[in-house]
Amino acid sequence: MELIKLKRKIKTAQRGHKLLKDKRDGLMQEFMAIIRSARDLRKKTEQDLGLAFRNFLFASSRVSPEQTQEALVWPNLKVELAADTKNVMSVEIPKFDFKFVGTGQCPVPGYKCYSSYSMPKDLDKSLEIFQKVLPDLIKLAETEQSARLLSYEIEKTRRRVNALEYVFIPEMEKNIKYIDAKLNEQERGALVALMKVKEKIA
């Protein structure tokens, strides 16, 4: 009975091992695609942010900190961000949707946020780049978090595959061989005893 149970268990373990290996390989393909996307997106984002900060520093150096603060005290655009998840091979990875909310005009009627003549053009360029780079930043956060979650799942799946391949399945095979050998030994012993009994009767 133990031998039958072990043989059933090892078949289940072998099927599970194959499924986990397929899952690990699929996760690795998805992970590598996300990593490539994240690498390119991060490079582009860092370049854009570098340009935006450079323009902002140039603008800030030409006016007083008070003027800069006064110009930026009323934000005329807001961002609404909705966070959701999607399932990739049993892993819930983030999915962000966003939209800009606002008219682009100063929110206080009759009050001009800042004059194009009183503030350097570099400030306009900086704010324009920041606005354009924001979607990339959100996408980068989504992509990098997805890669992080997939890497955790890959590591967990890899440990399970290794445990089945190098511990559980070999241990069950060893036990099956041991029980088989014992049963064969008992069968031979019973056969020898039967032959001796037949000799005595004859």
N, C-alpha and C. Protein backbone atom coordinates (compact mmCIF):
# COMPACT_ATOMS: atom_id res chain seq x y z
N MET A 1 0.83 -1.21 0.00
CA MET A 1 0.00 0.00 0.00
C MET A 1 0.87 1.27 0.00
N GLU A 2 1.93 1.21 0.77
CA GLU A 2 2.84 2.37 0.82
C GLU A 2 3.50 2.61 -0.52
N LEU A 3 3.83 1.51 -1.21
CA LEU A 3 4.46 1.61 -2.52
C LEU A 3 3.49 2.24 -3.53
N ILE A 4 2.25 1.83 -3.49
CA ILE A 4 1.24 2.40 -4.39
C ILE A 4 1.07 3.89 -4.13
N LYS A 5 1.00 4.26 -2.84
CA LYS A 5 0.85 5.68 -2.49
C LYS A 5 2.05 6.50 -2.95
N LEU A 6 3.25 5.94 -2.77
CA LEU A 6 4.45 6.66 -3.20
C LEU A 6 4.49 6.85 -4.72
N LYS A 7 4.07 5.83 -5.45
CA LYS A 7 4.07 5.94 -6.92
C LYS A 7 3.09 7.00 -7.39
N ARG A 8 1.93 7.08 -6.70
CA ARG A 8 0.97 8.14 -7.04
C ARG A 8 1.54 9.52 -6.71
N LYS A 9 2.18 9.60 -5.56
CA LYS A 9 2.77 10.88 -5.14
C LYS A 9 3.86 11.36 -6.10
N ILE A 10 4.69 10.42 -6.54
CA ILE A 10 5.80 10.83 -7.42
C ILE A 10 5.28 11.28 -8.78
N LYS A 11 4.20 10.67 -9.26
CA LYS A 11 3.60 11.12 -10.52
C LYS A 11 3.06 12.54 -10.37
N THR A 12 2.39 12.79 -9.25
CA THR A 12 1.86 14.15 -8.99
C THR A 12 3.01 15.15 -8.88
N ALA A 13 4.07 14.75 -8.17
CA ALA A 13 5.23 15.65 -8.00
C ALA A 13 5.90 15.95 -9.34
N GLN A 14 5.99 14.95 -10.19
CA GLN A 14 6.61 15.15 -11.51
C GLN A 14 5.77 16.08 -12.39
N ARG A 15 4.44 15.92 -12.32
CA ARG A 15 3.56 16.85 -13.06
C ARG A 15 3.70 18.27 -12.52
N GLY A 16 3.71 18.37 -11.19
CA GLY A 16 3.87 19.69 -10.56
C GLY A 16 5.20 20.32 -10.91
N HIS A 17 6.24 19.51 -10.97
CA HIS A 17 7.58 20.00 -11.32
C HIS A 17 7.59 20.57 -12.73
N LYS A 18 6.95 19.86 -13.67
CA LYS A 18 6.89 20.34 -15.06
C LYS A 18 6.11 21.66 -15.15
N LEU A 19 4.96 21.72 -14.45
CA LEU A 19 4.14 22.94 -14.49
C LEU A 19 4.90 24.12 -13.89
N LEU A 20 5.59 23.89 -12.78
CA LEU A 20 6.36 24.96 -12.15
C LEU A 20 7.51 25.44 -13.03
N LYS A 21 8.16 24.49 -13.73
CA LYS A 21 9.24 24.88 -14.64
C LYS A 21 8.70 25.73 -15.78
N ASP A 22 7.53 25.33 -16.32
CA ASP A 22 6.90 26.13 -17.39
C ASP A 22 6.54 27.52 -16.87
N LYS A 23 6.03 27.57 -15.66
CA LYS A 23 5.66 28.87 -15.07
C LYS A 23 6.91 29.74 -14.88
N ARG A 24 7.98 29.12 -14.36
CA ARG A 24 9.23 29.86 -14.16
C ARG A 24 9.76 30.43 -15.47
N ASP A 25 9.73 29.61 -16.53
CA ASP A 25 10.22 30.07 -17.83
C ASP A 25 9.36 31.20 -18.38
N GLY A 26 8.03 31.08 -18.21
CA GLY A 26 7.13 32.14 -18.68
C GLY A 26 7.34 33.44 -17.91
N LEU A 27 7.53 33.30 -16.60
CA LEU A 27 7.79 34.49 -15.77
C LEU A 27 9.11 35.16 -16.18
N MET A 28 10.10 34.34 -16.47
CA MET A 28 11.40 34.89 -16.88
C MET A 28 11.29 35.68 -18.18
N GLN A 29 10.51 35.15 -19.14
CA GLN A 29 10.33 35.87 -20.41
C GLN A 29 9.64 37.21 -20.17
N GLU A 30 8.58 37.18 -19.35
CA GLU A 30 7.86 38.42 -19.03
C GLU A 30 8.76 39.40 -18.29
N PHE A 31 9.56 38.88 -17.35
CA PHE A 31 10.46 39.70 -16.55
C PHE A 31 11.51 40.38 -17.43
N MET A 32 12.10 39.63 -18.36
CA MET A 32 13.13 40.21 -19.23
C MET A 32 12.55 41.30 -20.13
N ALA A 33 11.32 41.08 -20.62
CA ALA A 33 10.67 42.11 -21.46
C ALA A 33 10.43 43.37 -20.65
N ILE A 34 9.98 43.22 -19.41
CA ILE A 34 9.72 44.38 -18.55
C ILE A 34 11.02 45.09 -18.20
N ILE A 35 12.07 44.32 -17.93
CA ILE A 35 13.37 44.91 -17.59
C ILE A 35 13.91 45.76 -18.74
N ARG A 36 13.80 45.24 -19.96
CA ARG A 36 14.27 46.00 -21.13
C ARG A 36 13.47 47.30 -21.27
N SER A 37 12.16 47.19 -21.09
CA SER A 37 11.30 48.38 -21.18
C SER A 37 11.66 49.39 -20.10
N ALA A 38 11.86 48.90 -18.87
CA ALA A 38 12.19 49.79 -17.75
C ALA A 38 13.53 50.48 -17.96
N ARG A 39 14.50 49.74 -18.50
CA ARG A 39 15.83 50.31 -18.73
C ARG A 39 15.76 51.47 -19.73
N ASP A 40 15.05 51.26 -20.84
CA ASP A 40 14.93 52.32 -21.85
C ASP A 40 14.15 53.51 -21.31
N LEU A 41 13.07 53.21 -20.56
CA LEU A 41 12.22 54.28 -20.03
C LEU A 41 12.97 55.08 -18.97
N ARG A 42 13.75 54.40 -18.13
CA ARG A 42 14.51 55.11 -17.10
C ARG A 42 15.56 56.03 -17.73
N LYS A 43 16.22 55.54 -18.77
CA LYS A 43 17.23 56.37 -19.45
C LYS A 43 16.60 57.64 -20.01
N LYS A 44 15.46 57.48 -20.70
CA LYS A 44 14.77 58.63 -21.28
C LYS A 44 14.29 59.59 -20.19
N THR A 45 13.72 59.02 -19.12
CA THR A 45 13.19 59.85 -18.03
C THR A 45 14.29 60.64 -17.33
N GLU A 46 15.42 59.99 -17.09
CA GLU A 46 16.53 60.68 -16.43
C GLU A 46 17.07 61.82 -17.29
N GLN A 47 17.13 61.60 -18.60
CA GLN A 47 17.58 62.68 -19.50
C GLN A 47 16.61 63.86 -19.48
N ASP A 48 15.31 63.56 -19.54
CA ASP A 48 14.30 64.62 -19.54
C ASP A 48 14.30 65.38 -18.22
N LEU A 49 14.39 64.64 -17.12
CA LEU A 49 14.41 65.30 -15.80
C LEU A 49 15.66 66.15 -15.63
N GLY A 50 16.78 65.65 -16.14
CA GLY A 50 18.02 66.44 -16.06
C GLY A 50 17.87 67.77 -16.78
N LEU A 51 17.25 67.73 -17.97
CA LEU A 51 17.03 68.96 -18.72
C LEU A 51 16.06 69.88 -18.00
N ALA A 52 14.99 69.31 -17.42
CA ALA A 52 14.00 70.12 -16.70
C ALA A 52 14.62 70.80 -15.48
N PHE A 53 15.40 70.04 -14.71
CA PHE A 53 16.03 70.63 -13.52
C PHE A 53 17.08 71.68 -13.91
N ARG A 54 17.76 71.45 -15.00
CA ARG A 54 18.75 72.43 -15.44
C ARG A 54 18.07 73.76 -15.79
N ASN A 55 16.96 73.67 -16.55
CA ASN A 55 16.22 74.89 -16.88
C ASN A 55 15.67 75.58 -15.64
N PHE A 56 15.21 74.76 -14.69
CA PHE A 56 14.66 75.34 -13.46
C PHE A 56 15.75 76.05 -12.65
N LEU A 57 16.94 75.45 -12.61
CA LEU A 57 18.05 76.09 -11.89
C LEU A 57 18.46 77.40 -12.54
N PHE A 58 18.49 77.41 -13.88
CA PHE A 58 18.82 78.65 -14.59
C PHE A 58 17.78 79.73 -14.29
N ALA A 59 16.51 79.33 -14.30
CA ALA A 59 15.44 80.29 -14.02
C ALA A 59 15.54 80.81 -12.59
N SER A 60 15.79 79.90 -11.65
CA SER A 60 15.86 80.27 -10.23
C SER A 60 17.04 81.19 -9.95
N SER A 61 18.10 81.02 -10.73
CA SER A 61 19.29 81.85 -10.49
C SER A 61 19.11 83.30 -10.96
N ARG A 62 18.10 83.54 -11.80
CA ARG A 62 17.91 84.89 -12.34
C ARG A 62 16.89 85.71 -11.57
N VAL A 63 16.15 85.07 -10.67
CA VAL A 63 15.16 85.81 -9.86
C VAL A 63 15.34 85.38 -8.40
N SER A 64 14.68 86.10 -7.52
CA SER A 64 14.81 85.78 -6.09
C SER A 64 13.96 84.55 -5.76
N PRO A 65 14.30 83.85 -4.68
CA PRO A 65 13.50 82.69 -4.25
C PRO A 65 12.03 83.05 -4.00
N GLU A 66 11.80 84.30 -3.50
CA GLU A 66 10.43 84.74 -3.23
C GLU A 66 9.62 84.84 -4.53
N GLN A 67 10.26 85.35 -5.59
CA GLN A 67 9.58 85.47 -6.87
C GLN A 67 9.24 84.07 -7.45
N THR A 68 10.20 83.16 -7.31
CA THR A 68 9.96 81.79 -7.80
C THR A 68 8.81 81.14 -7.04
N GLN A 69 8.82 81.33 -5.71
CA GLN A 69 7.76 80.73 -4.89
C GLN A 69 6.40 81.34 -5.22
N GLU A 70 6.39 82.66 -5.43
CA GLU A 70 5.13 83.35 -5.76
C GLU A 70 4.60 82.88 -7.12
N ALA A 71 5.51 82.64 -8.07
CA ALA A 71 5.09 82.21 -9.41
C ALA A 71 4.49 80.81 -9.39
N LEU A 72 4.96 79.98 -8.46
CA LEU A 72 4.53 78.58 -8.46
C LEU A 72 3.54 78.24 -7.34
N VAL A 73 3.07 79.26 -6.61
CA VAL A 73 2.23 79.00 -5.44
C VAL A 73 0.85 78.47 -5.82
N TRP A 74 0.38 78.80 -7.04
CA TRP A 74 -0.95 78.34 -7.47
C TRP A 74 -0.79 77.31 -8.60
N PRO A 75 -0.86 76.04 -8.29
CA PRO A 75 -0.78 75.04 -9.38
C PRO A 75 -2.04 75.11 -10.24
N ASN A 76 -1.86 75.16 -11.56
CA ASN A 76 -3.02 75.27 -12.45
C ASN A 76 -3.40 73.94 -13.09
N LEU A 77 -2.66 72.88 -12.78
CA LEU A 77 -3.02 71.54 -13.25
C LEU A 77 -2.85 70.55 -12.10
N LYS A 78 -3.76 69.60 -12.04
CA LYS A 78 -3.65 68.52 -11.07
C LYS A 78 -3.66 67.19 -11.81
N VAL A 79 -3.22 66.16 -11.12
CA VAL A 79 -3.20 64.83 -11.71
C VAL A 79 -4.10 63.91 -10.88
N GLU A 80 -5.00 63.21 -11.56
CA GLU A 80 -5.80 62.19 -10.90
C GLU A 80 -5.24 60.82 -11.29
N LEU A 81 -4.88 60.05 -10.29
CA LEU A 81 -4.23 58.76 -10.52
C LEU A 81 -5.12 57.64 -9.99
N ALA A 82 -5.39 56.65 -10.82
CA ALA A 82 -6.16 55.48 -10.40
C ALA A 82 -5.26 54.26 -10.45
N ALA A 83 -5.18 53.54 -9.35
CA ALA A 83 -4.31 52.36 -9.26
C ALA A 83 -5.16 51.10 -9.30
N ASP A 84 -4.76 50.18 -10.15
CA ASP A 84 -5.43 48.89 -10.27
C ASP A 84 -4.36 47.82 -10.41
N THR A 85 -4.78 46.58 -10.57
CA THR A 85 -3.81 45.49 -10.78
C THR A 85 -4.25 44.64 -11.97
N LYS A 86 -3.28 43.94 -12.55
CA LYS A 86 -3.60 42.96 -13.59
C LYS A 86 -2.82 41.68 -13.30
N ASN A 87 -3.38 40.57 -13.74
CA ASN A 87 -2.82 39.27 -13.43
C ASN A 87 -1.90 38.80 -14.55
N VAL A 88 -0.64 38.56 -14.19
CA VAL A 88 0.33 38.00 -15.14
C VAL A 88 0.87 36.70 -14.55
N MET A 89 0.36 35.57 -15.04
CA MET A 89 0.79 34.25 -14.57
C MET A 89 0.70 34.14 -13.05
N SER A 90 -0.47 34.49 -12.53
CA SER A 90 -0.80 34.40 -11.09
C SER A 90 -0.09 35.46 -10.25
N VAL A 91 0.50 36.46 -10.87
CA VAL A 91 1.13 37.55 -10.13
C VAL A 91 0.32 38.83 -10.39
N GLU A 92 -0.11 39.46 -9.31
CA GLU A 92 -0.86 40.72 -9.44
C GLU A 92 0.13 41.88 -9.55
N ILE A 93 0.24 42.45 -10.74
CA ILE A 93 1.16 43.57 -10.93
C ILE A 93 0.34 44.87 -11.09
N PRO A 94 0.93 46.01 -10.74
CA PRO A 94 0.16 47.26 -10.75
C PRO A 94 -0.14 47.77 -12.15
N LYS A 95 -1.24 48.51 -12.24
CA LYS A 95 -1.62 49.17 -13.48
C LYS A 95 -2.14 50.55 -13.10
N PHE A 96 -1.46 51.59 -13.57
CA PHE A 96 -1.83 52.96 -13.22
C PHE A 96 -2.47 53.66 -14.41
N ASP A 97 -3.58 54.34 -14.13
CA ASP A 97 -4.22 55.22 -15.12
C ASP A 97 -4.27 56.62 -14.52
N PHE A 98 -3.99 57.61 -15.34
CA PHE A 98 -3.99 58.97 -14.82
C PHE A 98 -4.52 59.93 -15.88
N LYS A 99 -4.90 61.11 -15.39
CA LYS A 99 -5.29 62.17 -16.32
C LYS A 99 -5.00 63.51 -15.66
N PHE A 100 -4.73 64.51 -16.51
CA PHE A 100 -4.54 65.86 -16.02
C PHE A 100 -5.91 66.51 -15.83
N VAL A 101 -6.05 67.23 -14.74
CA VAL A 101 -7.30 67.93 -14.45
C VAL A 101 -6.98 69.42 -14.29
N GLY A 102 -7.67 70.25 -15.04
CA GLY A 102 -7.46 71.70 -14.96
C GLY A 102 -7.48 72.33 -16.34
N THR A 103 -7.55 73.63 -16.35
CA THR A 103 -7.64 74.35 -17.63
C THR A 103 -6.31 74.86 -18.10
N GLY A 104 -5.32 74.83 -17.21
CA GLY A 104 -4.03 75.43 -17.57
C GLY A 104 -4.00 76.92 -17.28
N GLN A 105 -5.12 77.44 -16.76
CA GLN A 105 -5.18 78.86 -16.41
C GLN A 105 -4.99 79.00 -14.90
N CYS A 106 -4.71 80.23 -14.48
CA CYS A 106 -4.54 80.48 -13.06
C CYS A 106 -5.87 80.26 -12.34
N PRO A 107 -5.90 79.50 -11.22
CA PRO A 107 -7.15 79.18 -10.56
C PRO A 107 -7.80 80.35 -9.83
N VAL A 108 -7.06 81.43 -9.63
CA VAL A 108 -7.63 82.59 -8.93
C VAL A 108 -8.06 83.62 -9.96
N PRO A 109 -9.40 83.89 -10.10
CA PRO A 109 -9.88 84.85 -11.10
C PRO A 109 -9.25 86.23 -10.92
N GLY A 110 -8.83 86.79 -12.02
CA GLY A 110 -8.27 88.14 -11.98
C GLY A 110 -6.84 88.20 -11.49
N TYR A 111 -6.26 87.03 -11.18
CA TYR A 111 -4.88 87.02 -10.67
C TYR A 111 -4.02 86.21 -11.63
N LYS A 112 -3.02 86.85 -12.16
CA LYS A 112 -2.13 86.15 -13.09
C LYS A 112 -1.04 85.45 -12.28
N CYS A 113 -0.91 84.13 -12.53
CA CYS A 113 0.03 83.34 -11.71
C CYS A 113 1.44 83.90 -11.80
N TYR A 114 1.89 84.13 -13.00
CA TYR A 114 3.15 84.86 -13.15
C TYR A 114 3.23 85.41 -14.57
N SER A 115 3.92 86.49 -14.66
CA SER A 115 4.04 87.16 -15.95
C SER A 115 5.21 86.57 -16.73
N SER A 116 4.98 86.39 -18.02
CA SER A 116 6.05 85.88 -18.88
C SER A 116 7.21 86.85 -18.97
N TYR A 117 6.93 88.14 -18.68
CA TYR A 117 7.99 89.16 -18.73
C TYR A 117 8.79 89.20 -17.44
N SER A 118 8.12 88.87 -16.32
CA SER A 118 8.80 88.98 -15.03
C SER A 118 9.60 87.72 -14.69
N MET A 119 9.27 86.60 -15.33
CA MET A 119 9.96 85.35 -15.04
C MET A 119 10.73 84.87 -16.27
N PRO A 120 11.88 84.26 -16.08
CA PRO A 120 12.68 83.79 -17.23
C PRO A 120 11.95 82.72 -18.05
N LYS A 121 12.28 82.69 -19.32
CA LYS A 121 11.69 81.68 -20.21
C LYS A 121 12.08 80.26 -19.78
N ASP A 122 13.21 80.15 -19.11
CA ASP A 122 13.66 78.83 -18.66
C ASP A 122 12.64 78.17 -17.74
N LEU A 123 11.89 79.00 -16.99
CA LEU A 123 10.88 78.44 -16.09
C LEU A 123 9.76 77.79 -16.89
N ASP A 124 9.33 78.46 -17.97
CA ASP A 124 8.30 77.87 -18.84
C ASP A 124 8.78 76.54 -19.42
N LYS A 125 10.03 76.54 -19.90
CA LYS A 125 10.57 75.31 -20.49
C LYS A 125 10.63 74.19 -19.45
N SER A 126 11.06 74.55 -18.23
CA SER A 126 11.18 73.56 -17.17
C SER A 126 9.82 72.95 -16.83
N LEU A 127 8.81 73.81 -16.65
CA LEU A 127 7.48 73.31 -16.30
C LEU A 127 6.87 72.48 -17.43
N GLU A 128 7.16 72.87 -18.66
CA GLU A 128 6.65 72.12 -19.81
C GLU A 128 7.26 70.70 -19.85
N ILE A 129 8.57 70.63 -19.59
CA ILE A 129 9.23 69.32 -19.60
C ILE A 129 8.73 68.46 -18.44
N PHE A 130 8.57 69.09 -17.25
CA PHE A 130 8.06 68.33 -16.10
C PHE A 130 6.69 67.73 -16.40
N GLN A 131 5.85 68.51 -17.07
CA GLN A 131 4.51 68.03 -17.41
C GLN A 131 4.58 66.87 -18.41
N LYS A 132 5.50 66.98 -19.37
CA LYS A 132 5.62 65.93 -20.38
C LYS A 132 6.23 64.65 -19.81
N VAL A 133 7.13 64.80 -18.81
CA VAL A 133 7.84 63.64 -18.28
C VAL A 133 7.01 62.89 -17.23
N LEU A 134 5.97 63.53 -16.71
CA LEU A 134 5.17 62.90 -15.66
C LEU A 134 4.56 61.56 -16.10
N PRO A 135 3.97 61.46 -17.31
CA PRO A 135 3.46 60.14 -17.74
C PRO A 135 4.55 59.06 -17.76
N ASP A 136 5.75 59.45 -18.17
CA ASP A 136 6.86 58.48 -18.18
C ASP A 136 7.25 58.05 -16.77
N LEU A 137 7.19 59.00 -15.82
CA LEU A 137 7.51 58.67 -14.43
C LEU A 137 6.50 57.68 -13.85
N ILE A 138 5.22 57.91 -14.16
CA ILE A 138 4.17 57.00 -13.68
C ILE A 138 4.35 55.63 -14.31
N LYS A 139 4.62 55.60 -15.61
CA LYS A 139 4.83 54.33 -16.30
C LYS A 139 6.06 53.62 -15.76
N LEU A 140 7.12 54.38 -15.45
CA LEU A 140 8.34 53.79 -14.91
C LEU A 140 8.08 53.17 -13.53
N ALA A 141 7.30 53.87 -12.70
CA ALA A 141 6.96 53.32 -11.38
C ALA A 141 6.18 52.02 -11.53
N GLU A 142 5.24 52.01 -12.46
CA GLU A 142 4.45 50.79 -12.72
C GLU A 142 5.34 49.66 -13.21
N THR A 143 6.25 49.97 -14.13
CA THR A 143 7.11 48.94 -14.73
C THR A 143 8.10 48.38 -13.72
N GLU A 144 8.72 49.25 -12.94
CA GLU A 144 9.73 48.78 -11.99
C GLU A 144 9.10 47.98 -10.85
N GLN A 145 7.91 48.40 -10.40
CA GLN A 145 7.23 47.62 -9.37
C GLN A 145 6.79 46.26 -9.91
N SER A 146 6.36 46.22 -11.17
CA SER A 146 5.99 44.95 -11.80
C SER A 146 7.20 44.02 -11.86
N ALA A 147 8.35 44.58 -12.25
CA ALA A 147 9.58 43.77 -12.31
C ALA A 147 9.95 43.24 -10.93
N ARG A 148 9.79 44.08 -9.91
CA ARG A 148 10.12 43.66 -8.54
C ARG A 148 9.21 42.49 -8.10
N LEU A 149 7.91 42.62 -8.34
CA LEU A 149 6.98 41.57 -7.95
C LEU A 149 7.24 40.27 -8.72
N LEU A 150 7.53 40.41 -10.01
CA LEU A 150 7.83 39.22 -10.82
C LEU A 150 9.11 38.54 -10.35
N SER A 151 10.11 39.34 -9.95
CA SER A 151 11.36 38.74 -9.47
C SER A 151 11.13 37.94 -8.19
N TYR A 152 10.25 38.44 -7.28
CA TYR A 152 9.93 37.69 -6.07
C TYR A 152 9.28 36.35 -6.44
N GLU A 153 8.34 36.41 -7.39
CA GLU A 153 7.62 35.19 -7.79
C GLU A 153 8.56 34.21 -8.49
N ILE A 154 9.48 34.73 -9.31
CA ILE A 154 10.45 33.86 -9.98
C ILE A 154 11.32 33.14 -8.96
N GLU A 155 11.78 33.88 -7.95
CA GLU A 155 12.62 33.28 -6.91
C GLU A 155 11.86 32.21 -6.13
N LYS A 156 10.61 32.51 -5.79
CA LYS A 156 9.78 31.55 -5.06
C LYS A 156 9.55 30.29 -5.89
N THR A 157 9.25 30.48 -7.18
CA THR A 157 9.00 29.33 -8.08
C THR A 157 10.28 28.53 -8.28
N ARG A 158 11.41 29.24 -8.40
CA ARG A 158 12.70 28.54 -8.58
C ARG A 158 13.01 27.65 -7.37
N ARG A 159 12.73 28.17 -6.15
CA ARG A 159 12.98 27.37 -4.95
C ARG A 159 12.10 26.12 -4.93
N ARG A 160 10.85 26.28 -5.36
CA ARG A 160 9.94 25.12 -5.39
C ARG A 160 10.41 24.09 -6.42
N VAL A 161 10.82 24.56 -7.58
CA VAL A 161 11.32 23.65 -8.63
C VAL A 161 12.53 22.89 -8.11
N ASN A 162 13.47 23.61 -7.49
CA ASN A 162 14.68 22.96 -6.98
C ASN A 162 14.36 21.96 -5.86
N ALA A 163 13.40 22.34 -4.99
CA ALA A 163 13.03 21.43 -3.90
C ALA A 163 12.45 20.13 -4.45
N LEU A 164 11.59 20.24 -5.46
CA LEU A 164 11.02 19.04 -6.07
C LEU A 164 12.09 18.23 -6.80
N GLU A 165 12.94 18.95 -7.56
CA GLU A 165 13.92 18.27 -8.42
C GLU A 165 15.04 17.61 -7.64
N TYR A 166 15.51 18.27 -6.57
CA TYR A 166 16.70 17.78 -5.87
C TYR A 166 16.43 17.16 -4.50
N VAL A 167 15.21 17.32 -3.98
CA VAL A 167 14.92 16.78 -2.64
C VAL A 167 13.76 15.78 -2.67
N PHE A 168 12.56 16.29 -2.97
CA PHE A 168 11.37 15.44 -2.80
C PHE A 168 11.32 14.27 -3.79
N ILE A 169 11.51 14.56 -5.07
CA ILE A 169 11.42 13.48 -6.07
C ILE A 169 12.54 12.45 -5.87
N PRO A 170 13.82 12.86 -5.68
CA PRO A 170 14.87 11.85 -5.41
C PRO A 170 14.58 11.03 -4.14
N GLU A 171 14.04 11.70 -3.11
CA GLU A 171 13.74 10.99 -1.86
C GLU A 171 12.65 9.94 -2.08
N MET A 172 11.62 10.31 -2.84
CA MET A 172 10.55 9.35 -3.14
C MET A 172 11.07 8.21 -4.01
N GLU A 173 11.91 8.52 -4.99
CA GLU A 173 12.49 7.46 -5.84
C GLU A 173 13.33 6.49 -5.00
N LYS A 174 14.07 7.05 -4.06
CA LYS A 174 14.89 6.22 -3.16
C LYS A 174 14.01 5.30 -2.32
N ASN A 175 12.89 5.85 -1.80
CA ASN A 175 11.98 5.05 -0.97
C ASN A 175 11.30 3.96 -1.80
N ILE A 176 10.94 4.32 -3.04
CA ILE A 176 10.30 3.34 -3.92
C ILE A 176 11.26 2.18 -4.19
N LYS A 177 12.51 2.50 -4.49
CA LYS A 177 13.51 1.44 -4.74
C LYS A 177 13.71 0.56 -3.50
N TYR A 178 13.72 1.22 -2.33
CA TYR A 178 13.92 0.47 -1.08
C TYR A 178 12.77 -0.51 -0.85
N ILE A 179 11.53 0.01 -1.01
CA ILE A 179 10.35 -0.85 -0.79
C ILE A 179 10.31 -1.96 -1.83
N ASP A 180 10.62 -1.61 -3.08
CA ASP A 180 10.67 -2.64 -4.14
C ASP A 180 11.67 -3.74 -3.79
N ALA A 181 12.85 -3.32 -3.33
CA ALA A 181 13.89 -4.31 -2.97
C ALA A 181 13.41 -5.20 -1.82
N LYS A 182 12.78 -4.59 -0.81
CA LYS A 182 12.28 -5.36 0.33
C LYS A 182 11.20 -6.35 -0.08
N LEU A 183 10.28 -5.87 -0.93
CA LEU A 183 9.19 -6.76 -1.39
C LEU A 183 9.75 -7.92 -2.22
N ASN A 184 10.74 -7.63 -3.07
CA ASN A 184 11.37 -8.69 -3.88
C ASN A 184 12.08 -9.70 -2.98
N GLU A 185 12.74 -9.14 -1.93
CA GLU A 185 13.44 -10.02 -0.99
C GLU A 185 12.45 -10.93 -0.26
N GLN A 186 11.33 -10.35 0.17
CA GLN A 186 10.30 -11.14 0.85
C GLN A 186 9.71 -12.20 -0.09
N GLU A 187 9.51 -11.77 -1.34
CA GLU A 187 8.95 -12.70 -2.33
C GLU A 187 9.90 -13.88 -2.57
N ARG A 188 11.19 -13.55 -2.67
CA ARG A 188 12.18 -14.64 -2.86
C ARG A 188 12.23 -15.56 -1.63
N GLY A 189 12.18 -14.93 -0.44
CA GLY A 189 12.19 -15.73 0.79
C GLY A 189 10.99 -16.66 0.87
N ALA A 190 9.80 -16.10 0.50
CA ALA A 190 8.58 -16.93 0.53
C ALA A 190 8.67 -18.06 -0.48
N LEU A 191 9.28 -17.78 -1.66
CA LEU A 191 9.42 -18.79 -2.71
C LEU A 191 10.35 -19.91 -2.26
N VAL A 192 11.46 -19.52 -1.62
CA VAL A 192 12.42 -20.52 -1.12
C VAL A 192 11.76 -21.39 -0.05
N ALA A 193 11.01 -20.73 0.86
CA ALA A 193 10.32 -21.49 1.91
C ALA A 193 9.31 -22.45 1.32
N LEU A 194 8.60 -22.00 0.31
CA LEU A 194 7.60 -22.86 -0.35
C LEU A 194 8.26 -24.06 -1.01
N MET A 195 9.41 -23.80 -1.66
CA MET A 195 10.13 -24.89 -2.32
C MET A 195 10.61 -25.94 -1.29
N LYS A 196 11.07 -25.47 -0.13
CA LYS A 196 11.54 -26.37 0.92
C LYS A 196 10.37 -27.22 1.45
N VAL A 197 9.24 -26.56 1.61
CA VAL A 197 8.06 -27.29 2.09
C VAL A 197 7.68 -28.37 1.09
N LYS A 198 7.73 -28.03 -0.20
CA LYS A 198 7.39 -29.00 -1.26
C LYS A 198 8.36 -30.19 -1.23
N GLU A 199 9.65 -29.91 -1.00
CA GLU A 199 10.66 -30.97 -0.94
C GLU A 199 10.37 -31.92 0.22
N LYS A 200 10.00 -31.36 1.38
CA LYS A 200 9.74 -32.20 2.54
C LYS A 200 8.50 -33.06 2.32
N ILE A 201 7.49 -32.47 1.67
CA ILE A 201 6.25 -33.21 1.41
C ILE A 201 6.54 -34.35 0.41
N ALA A 202 7.37 -34.04 -0.59
CA ALA A 202 7.69 -35.05 -1.60
C ALA A 202 8.56 -36.13 -0.95
